Amino acid sequence: MANEDHTNGKGELPDGTLGGYLSIHERPPSFEGPDGHPYTVSIEIESQGDLRAPYVGYLVFPRWAQTGLGVVGHVQTPTLVEGRHRIHVEEALGRLQLVHVKELLNDAIRQQTADLSDD
């Protein structure tokens, strides 16, 4: 996936990618989770001690109140991308297709549900 060109021919990401959606709409996309709650998504990048790949990226999905008037929780993916440069990690996450982002949300919710039932 990392070497695929998901641009629109002008070097811009299309609306169907996370980065393209963020750029075009100037807000995060929203999704309904399998639990019936509304979620948005944010790209998160952190530094780590590995000099070969000092940056890691993942997605955080804030869960909104049914009224939309506040965040009441969140789920997140495991690390999805590692890289030498912050911008490359951000670009890789931005190329994710929104349908894949929705799948990642569903997986994160299922994992959280499984973790809670194990307690």
N, C-alpha and C. Protein backbone atom coordinates (compact mmCIF):
# COMPACT_ATOMS: atom_id res chain seq x y z
N MET A 1 0.82 -1.19 0.00
CA MET A 1 0.00 0.00 0.00
C MET A 1 0.86 1.25 0.00
N ALA A 2 1.99 1.25 0.64
CA ALA A 2 2.79 2.46 0.80
C ALA A 2 3.28 3.01 -0.53
N ASN A 3 3.46 2.16 -1.53
CA ASN A 3 3.98 2.64 -2.80
C ASN A 3 2.88 2.98 -3.80
N GLU A 4 1.62 2.73 -3.46
CA GLU A 4 0.53 3.05 -4.37
C GLU A 4 0.34 4.55 -4.43
N ASP A 5 -0.01 5.05 -5.62
CA ASP A 5 -0.28 6.48 -5.78
C ASP A 5 -1.77 6.70 -5.64
N HIS A 6 -2.19 7.34 -4.55
CA HIS A 6 -3.60 7.61 -4.31
C HIS A 6 -3.92 9.08 -4.55
N THR A 7 -3.12 9.77 -5.35
CA THR A 7 -3.39 11.17 -5.62
C THR A 7 -4.33 11.29 -6.81
N ASN A 8 -4.84 12.47 -7.01
CA ASN A 8 -5.80 12.71 -8.10
C ASN A 8 -5.11 13.15 -9.39
N GLY A 9 -3.82 12.94 -9.52
CA GLY A 9 -3.09 13.37 -10.70
C GLY A 9 -2.49 14.75 -10.55
N LYS A 10 -2.91 15.50 -9.55
CA LYS A 10 -2.38 16.83 -9.27
C LYS A 10 -1.55 16.82 -7.99
N GLY A 11 -1.28 15.61 -7.47
CA GLY A 11 -0.53 15.51 -6.23
C GLY A 11 -1.40 15.70 -4.99
N GLU A 12 -2.71 15.84 -5.20
CA GLU A 12 -3.63 16.02 -4.08
C GLU A 12 -4.30 14.69 -3.78
N LEU A 13 -4.60 14.47 -2.50
CA LEU A 13 -5.32 13.26 -2.13
C LEU A 13 -6.81 13.46 -2.39
N PRO A 14 -7.48 12.43 -2.91
CA PRO A 14 -8.91 12.55 -3.17
C PRO A 14 -9.73 12.51 -1.88
N ASP A 15 -10.97 12.93 -2.00
CA ASP A 15 -11.91 12.99 -0.89
C ASP A 15 -12.11 11.64 -0.20
N GLY A 16 -11.86 10.54 -0.89
CA GLY A 16 -12.05 9.20 -0.33
C GLY A 16 -10.92 8.72 0.55
N THR A 17 -9.89 9.56 0.74
CA THR A 17 -8.80 9.22 1.65
C THR A 17 -8.90 10.09 2.90
N LEU A 18 -8.28 9.64 3.96
CA LEU A 18 -8.33 10.39 5.21
C LEU A 18 -7.71 11.77 5.05
N GLY A 19 -6.52 11.83 4.46
CA GLY A 19 -5.86 13.13 4.28
C GLY A 19 -6.60 14.04 3.33
N GLY A 20 -7.15 13.46 2.26
CA GLY A 20 -7.92 14.25 1.31
C GLY A 20 -9.18 14.82 1.94
N TYR A 21 -9.86 14.00 2.72
CA TYR A 21 -11.08 14.46 3.38
C TYR A 21 -10.75 15.59 4.35
N LEU A 22 -9.70 15.40 5.15
CA LEU A 22 -9.31 16.45 6.11
C LEU A 22 -8.97 17.75 5.39
N SER A 23 -8.29 17.65 4.26
CA SER A 23 -7.88 18.83 3.51
C SER A 23 -9.06 19.53 2.85
N ILE A 24 -9.93 18.76 2.24
CA ILE A 24 -11.06 19.33 1.51
C ILE A 24 -12.12 19.91 2.45
N HIS A 25 -12.45 19.17 3.49
CA HIS A 25 -13.56 19.56 4.36
C HIS A 25 -13.13 20.33 5.61
N GLU A 26 -11.82 20.36 5.87
CA GLU A 26 -11.26 21.07 7.03
C GLU A 26 -11.89 20.62 8.35
N ARG A 27 -12.25 19.35 8.41
CA ARG A 27 -12.76 18.73 9.62
C ARG A 27 -12.58 17.22 9.46
N PRO A 28 -12.59 16.49 10.55
CA PRO A 28 -12.43 15.04 10.41
C PRO A 28 -13.71 14.37 9.92
N PRO A 29 -13.57 13.26 9.23
CA PRO A 29 -14.76 12.51 8.84
C PRO A 29 -15.41 11.90 10.08
N SER A 30 -16.70 11.64 9.97
CA SER A 30 -17.40 11.00 11.08
C SER A 30 -17.94 9.65 10.61
N PHE A 31 -18.07 8.75 11.56
CA PHE A 31 -18.53 7.39 11.28
C PHE A 31 -19.48 6.96 12.39
N GLU A 32 -20.37 6.05 12.05
CA GLU A 32 -21.15 5.40 13.10
C GLU A 32 -20.49 4.06 13.37
N GLY A 33 -20.16 3.82 14.63
CA GLY A 33 -19.54 2.56 15.00
C GLY A 33 -20.56 1.44 15.08
N PRO A 34 -20.09 0.21 15.09
CA PRO A 34 -21.00 -0.93 15.21
C PRO A 34 -21.76 -0.93 16.55
N ASP A 35 -21.30 -0.11 17.49
CA ASP A 35 -21.98 0.03 18.78
C ASP A 35 -23.06 1.10 18.74
N GLY A 36 -23.25 1.73 17.56
CA GLY A 36 -24.28 2.74 17.40
C GLY A 36 -23.86 4.15 17.79
N HIS A 37 -22.64 4.32 18.29
CA HIS A 37 -22.16 5.64 18.70
C HIS A 37 -21.49 6.36 17.53
N PRO A 38 -21.56 7.70 17.53
CA PRO A 38 -20.85 8.48 16.51
C PRO A 38 -19.37 8.66 16.89
N TYR A 39 -18.50 8.57 15.91
CA TYR A 39 -17.06 8.72 16.10
C TYR A 39 -16.50 9.66 15.04
N THR A 40 -15.44 10.36 15.39
CA THR A 40 -14.60 11.04 14.41
C THR A 40 -13.23 10.39 14.50
N VAL A 41 -12.29 10.86 13.70
CA VAL A 41 -10.97 10.23 13.67
C VAL A 41 -9.89 11.30 13.65
N SER A 42 -8.78 11.02 14.31
CA SER A 42 -7.63 11.92 14.24
C SER A 42 -6.37 11.10 14.01
N ILE A 43 -5.45 11.70 13.28
CA ILE A 43 -4.13 11.12 13.04
C ILE A 43 -3.24 11.49 14.21
N GLU A 44 -2.61 10.50 14.81
CA GLU A 44 -1.70 10.74 15.93
C GLU A 44 -0.32 10.22 15.57
N ILE A 45 0.69 11.03 15.87
CA ILE A 45 2.08 10.66 15.60
C ILE A 45 2.88 10.91 16.87
N GLU A 46 3.68 9.92 17.25
CA GLU A 46 4.53 10.04 18.44
C GLU A 46 5.95 9.69 18.07
N SER A 47 6.88 10.23 18.84
CA SER A 47 8.28 9.84 18.67
C SER A 47 8.57 8.69 19.61
N GLN A 48 9.52 7.86 19.20
CA GLN A 48 9.95 6.72 20.00
C GLN A 48 11.46 6.62 19.93
N GLY A 49 12.04 5.73 20.69
CA GLY A 49 13.49 5.64 20.81
C GLY A 49 14.20 4.90 19.69
N ASP A 50 13.50 4.32 18.75
CA ASP A 50 14.11 3.56 17.66
C ASP A 50 14.67 4.53 16.62
N LEU A 51 15.98 4.59 16.49
CA LEU A 51 16.61 5.53 15.56
C LEU A 51 16.33 5.18 14.10
N ARG A 52 16.03 3.92 13.81
CA ARG A 52 15.71 3.53 12.43
C ARG A 52 14.33 4.00 12.03
N ALA A 53 13.43 4.11 13.00
CA ALA A 53 12.05 4.57 12.75
C ALA A 53 11.59 5.35 13.98
N PRO A 54 12.06 6.59 14.10
CA PRO A 54 11.78 7.35 15.33
C PRO A 54 10.34 7.83 15.47
N TYR A 55 9.51 7.66 14.45
CA TYR A 55 8.12 8.11 14.53
C TYR A 55 7.17 6.96 14.26
N VAL A 56 6.08 6.93 15.02
CA VAL A 56 5.02 5.95 14.82
C VAL A 56 3.70 6.70 14.68
N GLY A 57 2.81 6.13 13.89
CA GLY A 57 1.51 6.75 13.69
C GLY A 57 0.38 5.76 13.88
N TYR A 58 -0.71 6.27 14.39
CA TYR A 58 -1.91 5.47 14.61
C TYR A 58 -3.12 6.40 14.55
N LEU A 59 -4.30 5.83 14.63
CA LEU A 59 -5.53 6.62 14.58
C LEU A 59 -6.23 6.55 15.93
N VAL A 60 -6.78 7.68 16.35
CA VAL A 60 -7.62 7.76 17.54
C VAL A 60 -9.02 8.13 17.08
N PHE A 61 -10.01 7.42 17.62
CA PHE A 61 -11.41 7.65 17.27
C PHE A 61 -12.15 8.15 18.51
N PRO A 62 -12.32 9.48 18.66
CA PRO A 62 -13.13 9.99 19.77
C PRO A 62 -14.59 9.55 19.59
N ARG A 63 -15.19 9.06 20.68
CA ARG A 63 -16.61 8.69 20.67
C ARG A 63 -17.40 9.86 21.22
N TRP A 64 -18.36 10.32 20.45
CA TRP A 64 -19.15 11.48 20.82
C TRP A 64 -20.44 11.06 21.51
N ALA A 65 -20.93 11.92 22.36
CA ALA A 65 -22.24 11.71 22.97
C ALA A 65 -23.28 11.65 21.85
N GLN A 66 -24.36 10.95 22.08
CA GLN A 66 -25.41 10.84 21.07
C GLN A 66 -25.92 12.22 20.65
N THR A 67 -25.85 13.19 21.54
CA THR A 67 -26.27 14.55 21.23
C THR A 67 -25.23 15.30 20.41
N GLY A 68 -24.00 14.76 20.36
CA GLY A 68 -22.92 15.43 19.65
C GLY A 68 -22.28 16.55 20.46
N LEU A 69 -22.65 16.67 21.73
CA LEU A 69 -22.18 17.79 22.54
C LEU A 69 -21.01 17.45 23.45
N GLY A 70 -20.18 16.54 23.06
CA GLY A 70 -19.00 16.26 23.85
C GLY A 70 -18.47 14.86 23.60
N VAL A 71 -17.19 14.70 23.85
CA VAL A 71 -16.53 13.41 23.70
C VAL A 71 -16.73 12.63 25.00
N VAL A 72 -17.16 11.37 24.88
CA VAL A 72 -17.44 10.55 26.05
C VAL A 72 -16.53 9.33 26.14
N GLY A 73 -15.56 9.22 25.26
CA GLY A 73 -14.63 8.11 25.27
C GLY A 73 -13.86 8.07 23.96
N HIS A 74 -13.07 7.02 23.80
CA HIS A 74 -12.36 6.86 22.54
C HIS A 74 -11.86 5.42 22.40
N VAL A 75 -11.53 5.06 21.18
CA VAL A 75 -10.80 3.83 20.88
C VAL A 75 -9.66 4.24 19.96
N GLN A 76 -8.66 3.38 19.85
CA GLN A 76 -7.55 3.70 18.96
C GLN A 76 -7.01 2.43 18.33
N THR A 77 -6.30 2.61 17.23
CA THR A 77 -5.67 1.49 16.55
C THR A 77 -4.32 1.22 17.20
N PRO A 78 -3.76 0.06 16.94
CA PRO A 78 -2.35 -0.11 17.26
C PRO A 78 -1.53 0.74 16.28
N THR A 79 -0.24 0.74 16.43
CA THR A 79 0.63 1.46 15.49
C THR A 79 0.38 0.93 14.08
N LEU A 80 0.14 1.84 13.16
CA LEU A 80 -0.12 1.48 11.76
C LEU A 80 1.07 1.76 10.87
N VAL A 81 1.87 2.77 11.22
CA VAL A 81 2.98 3.21 10.37
C VAL A 81 4.16 3.57 11.26
N GLU A 82 5.35 3.20 10.82
CA GLU A 82 6.60 3.63 11.46
C GLU A 82 7.45 4.29 10.38
N GLY A 83 8.23 5.28 10.76
CA GLY A 83 9.07 5.92 9.76
C GLY A 83 10.16 6.79 10.34
N ARG A 84 11.06 7.18 9.46
CA ARG A 84 12.20 8.02 9.86
C ARG A 84 11.81 9.48 10.00
N HIS A 85 10.78 9.89 9.28
CA HIS A 85 10.38 11.30 9.27
C HIS A 85 8.90 11.43 9.60
N ARG A 86 8.60 12.38 10.45
CA ARG A 86 7.22 12.61 10.89
C ARG A 86 6.29 12.84 9.69
N ILE A 87 6.72 13.63 8.73
CA ILE A 87 5.88 13.96 7.59
C ILE A 87 5.54 12.71 6.77
N HIS A 88 6.48 11.76 6.66
CA HIS A 88 6.21 10.55 5.90
C HIS A 88 5.18 9.67 6.60
N VAL A 89 5.24 9.63 7.92
CA VAL A 89 4.25 8.87 8.69
C VAL A 89 2.88 9.51 8.51
N GLU A 90 2.82 10.84 8.62
CA GLU A 90 1.56 11.55 8.45
C GLU A 90 0.99 11.34 7.04
N GLU A 91 1.84 11.40 6.03
CA GLU A 91 1.38 11.21 4.66
C GLU A 91 0.85 9.79 4.45
N ALA A 92 1.54 8.80 5.02
CA ALA A 92 1.09 7.41 4.87
C ALA A 92 -0.29 7.22 5.50
N LEU A 93 -0.51 7.79 6.66
CA LEU A 93 -1.82 7.70 7.30
C LEU A 93 -2.87 8.47 6.49
N GLY A 94 -2.48 9.58 5.92
CA GLY A 94 -3.40 10.37 5.11
C GLY A 94 -3.84 9.67 3.84
N ARG A 95 -3.04 8.72 3.35
CA ARG A 95 -3.40 7.97 2.14
C ARG A 95 -4.40 6.84 2.41
N LEU A 96 -4.71 6.59 3.68
CA LEU A 96 -5.66 5.52 4.00
C LEU A 96 -7.03 5.84 3.39
N GLN A 97 -7.59 4.88 2.72
CA GLN A 97 -8.94 5.02 2.18
C GLN A 97 -9.93 5.07 3.34
N LEU A 98 -10.97 5.90 3.21
CA LEU A 98 -11.95 6.03 4.30
C LEU A 98 -12.65 4.72 4.60
N VAL A 99 -12.86 3.87 3.61
CA VAL A 99 -13.47 2.56 3.89
C VAL A 99 -12.57 1.73 4.78
N HIS A 100 -11.26 1.86 4.60
CA HIS A 100 -10.31 1.15 5.46
C HIS A 100 -10.30 1.77 6.86
N VAL A 101 -10.40 3.09 6.95
CA VAL A 101 -10.46 3.76 8.25
C VAL A 101 -11.68 3.26 9.02
N LYS A 102 -12.81 3.10 8.34
CA LYS A 102 -14.03 2.58 8.99
C LYS A 102 -13.80 1.16 9.48
N GLU A 103 -13.11 0.33 8.70
CA GLU A 103 -12.79 -1.03 9.14
C GLU A 103 -11.90 -1.00 10.38
N LEU A 104 -10.95 -0.08 10.40
CA LEU A 104 -10.07 0.04 11.57
C LEU A 104 -10.86 0.46 12.81
N LEU A 105 -11.83 1.36 12.63
CA LEU A 105 -12.70 1.75 13.74
C LEU A 105 -13.46 0.53 14.25
N ASN A 106 -14.08 -0.22 13.35
CA ASN A 106 -14.84 -1.40 13.76
C ASN A 106 -13.95 -2.39 14.51
N ASP A 107 -12.74 -2.61 14.01
CA ASP A 107 -11.79 -3.51 14.68
C ASP A 107 -11.44 -3.01 16.07
N ALA A 108 -11.21 -1.71 16.21
CA ALA A 108 -10.84 -1.13 17.51
C ALA A 108 -11.98 -1.27 18.51
N ILE A 109 -13.21 -1.08 18.05
CA ILE A 109 -14.37 -1.23 18.95
C ILE A 109 -14.52 -2.69 19.36
N ARG A 110 -14.38 -3.61 18.41
CA ARG A 110 -14.46 -5.04 18.75
C ARG A 110 -13.38 -5.43 19.75
N GLN A 111 -12.17 -4.90 19.54
CA GLN A 111 -11.07 -5.23 20.45
C GLN A 111 -11.35 -4.68 21.85
N GLN A 112 -11.84 -3.45 21.93
CA GLN A 112 -12.15 -2.87 23.23
C GLN A 112 -13.25 -3.67 23.93
N THR A 113 -14.25 -4.08 23.18
CA THR A 113 -15.34 -4.88 23.75
C THR A 113 -14.81 -6.21 24.27
N ALA A 114 -13.92 -6.85 23.50
CA ALA A 114 -13.33 -8.12 23.92
C ALA A 114 -12.47 -7.92 25.17
N ASP A 115 -11.70 -6.84 25.21
CA ASP A 115 -10.86 -6.56 26.38
C ASP A 115 -11.70 -6.34 27.62
N LEU A 116 -12.82 -5.63 27.49
CA LEU A 116 -13.69 -5.37 28.63
C LEU A 116 -14.37 -6.64 29.13
N SER A 117 -14.70 -7.55 28.21
CA SER A 117 -15.35 -8.79 28.62
C SER A 117 -14.37 -9.76 29.27
N ASP A 118 -13.06 -9.57 29.02
CA ASP A 118 -12.03 -10.40 29.65
C ASP A 118 -11.78 -10.00 31.10
N ASP A 119 -12.17 -8.78 31.46
CA ASP A 119 -11.90 -8.29 32.83
C ASP A 119 -12.79 -8.91 33.84
